C-alpha atoms as a PDB file:
ATOM      1  CA  UNK A   1     -15.519 -33.804 -73.272  1.00  0.00           C
ATOM      2  CA  UNK A   2     -19.015 -34.774 -74.175  1.00  0.00           C
ATOM      3  CA  UNK A   3     -19.630 -38.067 -72.439  1.00  0.00           C
ATOM      4  CA  UNK A   4     -19.858 -38.981 -68.811  1.00  0.00           C
ATOM      5  CA  UNK A   5     -17.003 -41.435 -69.218  1.00  0.00           C
ATOM      6  CA  UNK A   6     -14.732 -38.692 -70.595  1.00  0.00           C
ATOM      7  CA  UNK A   7     -15.642 -36.379 -67.742  1.00  0.00           C
ATOM      8  CA  UNK A   8     -15.025 -39.119 -65.158  1.00  0.00           C
ATOM      9  CA  UNK A   9     -11.634 -39.898 -66.714  1.00  0.00           C
ATOM     10  CA  UNK A  10     -10.638 -36.227 -66.697  1.00  0.00           C
ATOM     11  CA  UNK A  11     -11.677 -35.822 -63.066  1.00  0.00           C
ATOM     12  CA  UNK A  12      -9.736 -38.915 -62.036  1.00  0.00           C
ATOM     13  CA  UNK A  13      -6.571 -37.316 -63.480  1.00  0.00           C
ATOM     14  CA  UNK A  14      -6.899 -34.038 -61.549  1.00  0.00           C
ATOM     15  CA  UNK A  15      -4.185 -33.050 -59.101  1.00  0.00           C
ATOM     16  CA  UNK A  16      -5.222 -32.873 -55.462  1.00  0.00           C
ATOM     17  CA  UNK A  17      -5.610 -29.087 -55.376  1.00  0.00           C
ATOM     18  CA  UNK A  18      -7.545 -29.055 -58.638  1.00  0.00           C
ATOM     19  CA  UNK A  19      -9.802 -31.823 -57.379  1.00  0.00           C
ATOM     20  CA  UNK A  20     -10.511 -29.783 -54.241  1.00  0.00           C
ATOM     21  CA  UNK A  21     -11.383 -26.752 -56.378  1.00  0.00           C
ATOM     22  CA  UNK A  22     -13.611 -28.911 -58.566  1.00  0.00           C
ATOM     23  CA  UNK A  23     -15.408 -30.311 -55.511  1.00  0.00           C
ATOM     24  CA  UNK A  24     -16.094 -26.818 -54.208  1.00  0.00           C
ATOM     25  CA  UNK A  25     -17.332 -25.663 -57.618  1.00  0.00           C
ATOM     26  CA  UNK A  26     -19.525 -28.723 -58.075  1.00  0.00           C
ATOM     27  CA  UNK A  27     -21.050 -28.443 -54.598  1.00  0.00           C
ATOM     28  CA  UNK A  28     -22.092 -24.872 -55.401  1.00  0.00           C
ATOM     29  CA  UNK A  29     -23.326 -25.852 -58.884  1.00  0.00           C
ATOM     30  CA  UNK A  30     -25.339 -28.747 -57.485  1.00  0.00           C
ATOM     31  CA  UNK A  31     -26.841 -26.598 -54.711  1.00  0.00           C
ATOM     32  CA  UNK A  32     -27.989 -23.998 -57.254  1.00  0.00           C
ATOM     33  CA  UNK A  33     -29.559 -26.713 -59.410  1.00  0.00           C
ATOM     34  CA  UNK A  34     -31.345 -28.223 -56.392  1.00  0.00           C
ATOM     35  CA  UNK A  35     -32.580 -24.801 -55.262  1.00  0.00           C
ATOM     36  CA  UNK A  36     -33.873 -24.057 -58.746  1.00  0.00           C
ATOM     37  CA  UNK A  37     -35.747 -27.359 -58.933  1.00  0.00           C
ATOM     38  CA  UNK A  38     -37.200 -26.839 -55.441  1.00  0.00           C
ATOM     39  CA  UNK A  39     -38.392 -23.336 -56.336  1.00  0.00           C
ATOM     40  CA  UNK A  40     -39.970 -24.661 -59.528  1.00  0.00           C
ATOM     41  CA  UNK A  41     -41.724 -27.439 -57.603  1.00  0.00           C
ATOM     42  CA  UNK A  42     -43.078 -24.928 -55.083  1.00  0.00           C
ATOM     43  CA  UNK A  43     -44.259 -22.559 -57.816  1.00  0.00           C
ATOM     44  CA  UNK A  44     -46.113 -25.320 -59.667  1.00  0.00           C
ATOM     45  CA  UNK A  45     -47.715 -26.720 -56.506  1.00  0.00           C
ATOM     46  CA  UNK A  46     -45.955 -30.079 -56.625  1.00  0.00           C
ATOM     47  CA  UNK A  47     -45.272 -29.890 -52.878  1.00  0.00           C
ATOM     48  CA  UNK A  48     -48.739 -28.800 -51.803  1.00  0.00           C
ATOM     49  CA  UNK A  49     -49.907 -32.327 -50.970  1.00  0.00           C
ATOM     50  CA  UNK A  50     -46.874 -32.914 -48.736  1.00  0.00           C
ATOM     51  CA  UNK A  51     -47.386 -29.572 -47.010  1.00  0.00           C
ATOM     52  CA  UNK A  52     -51.061 -30.336 -46.430  1.00  0.00           C
ATOM     53  CA  UNK A  53     -50.195 -33.745 -44.958  1.00  0.00           C
ATOM     54  CA  UNK A  54     -47.639 -32.166 -42.632  1.00  0.00           C
ATOM     55  CA  UNK A  55     -50.138 -29.562 -41.473  1.00  0.00           C
ATOM     56  CA  UNK A  56     -52.771 -32.260 -40.905  1.00  0.00           C
ATOM     57  CA  UNK A  57     -50.265 -34.237 -38.824  1.00  0.00           C
ATOM     58  CA  UNK A  58     -49.515 -31.133 -36.773  1.00  0.00           C
ATOM     59  CA  UNK A  59     -53.214 -30.385 -36.180  1.00  0.00           C
ATOM     60  CA  UNK A  60     -53.919 -34.020 -35.231  1.00  0.00           C
ATOM     61  CA  UNK A  61     -51.000 -34.157 -32.797  1.00  0.00           C
ATOM     62  CA  UNK A  62     -48.999 -36.636 -34.860  1.00  0.00           C
ATOM     63  CA  UNK A  63     -45.813 -34.608 -34.647  1.00  0.00           C
ATOM     64  CA  UNK A  64     -43.332 -33.582 -32.006  1.00  0.00           C
ATOM     65  CA  UNK A  65     -41.536 -30.301 -31.471  1.00  0.00           C
ATOM     66  CA  UNK A  66     -37.827 -30.253 -32.133  1.00  0.00           C
END
């Protein structure tokens, strides 16, 4: 299985219990990938501008408490 189409076809043939197991595995896999990307973005400063804007909004009273 090396193409997206092959993977999609294989997934569509899974039995219900195997599909549930795949969903659980993929959710965990995807969360780890997202966390890794987020950590990389933080480490390289890619989110600094957004953080600064949020802090400016807080200081200027342009935010509300949850």
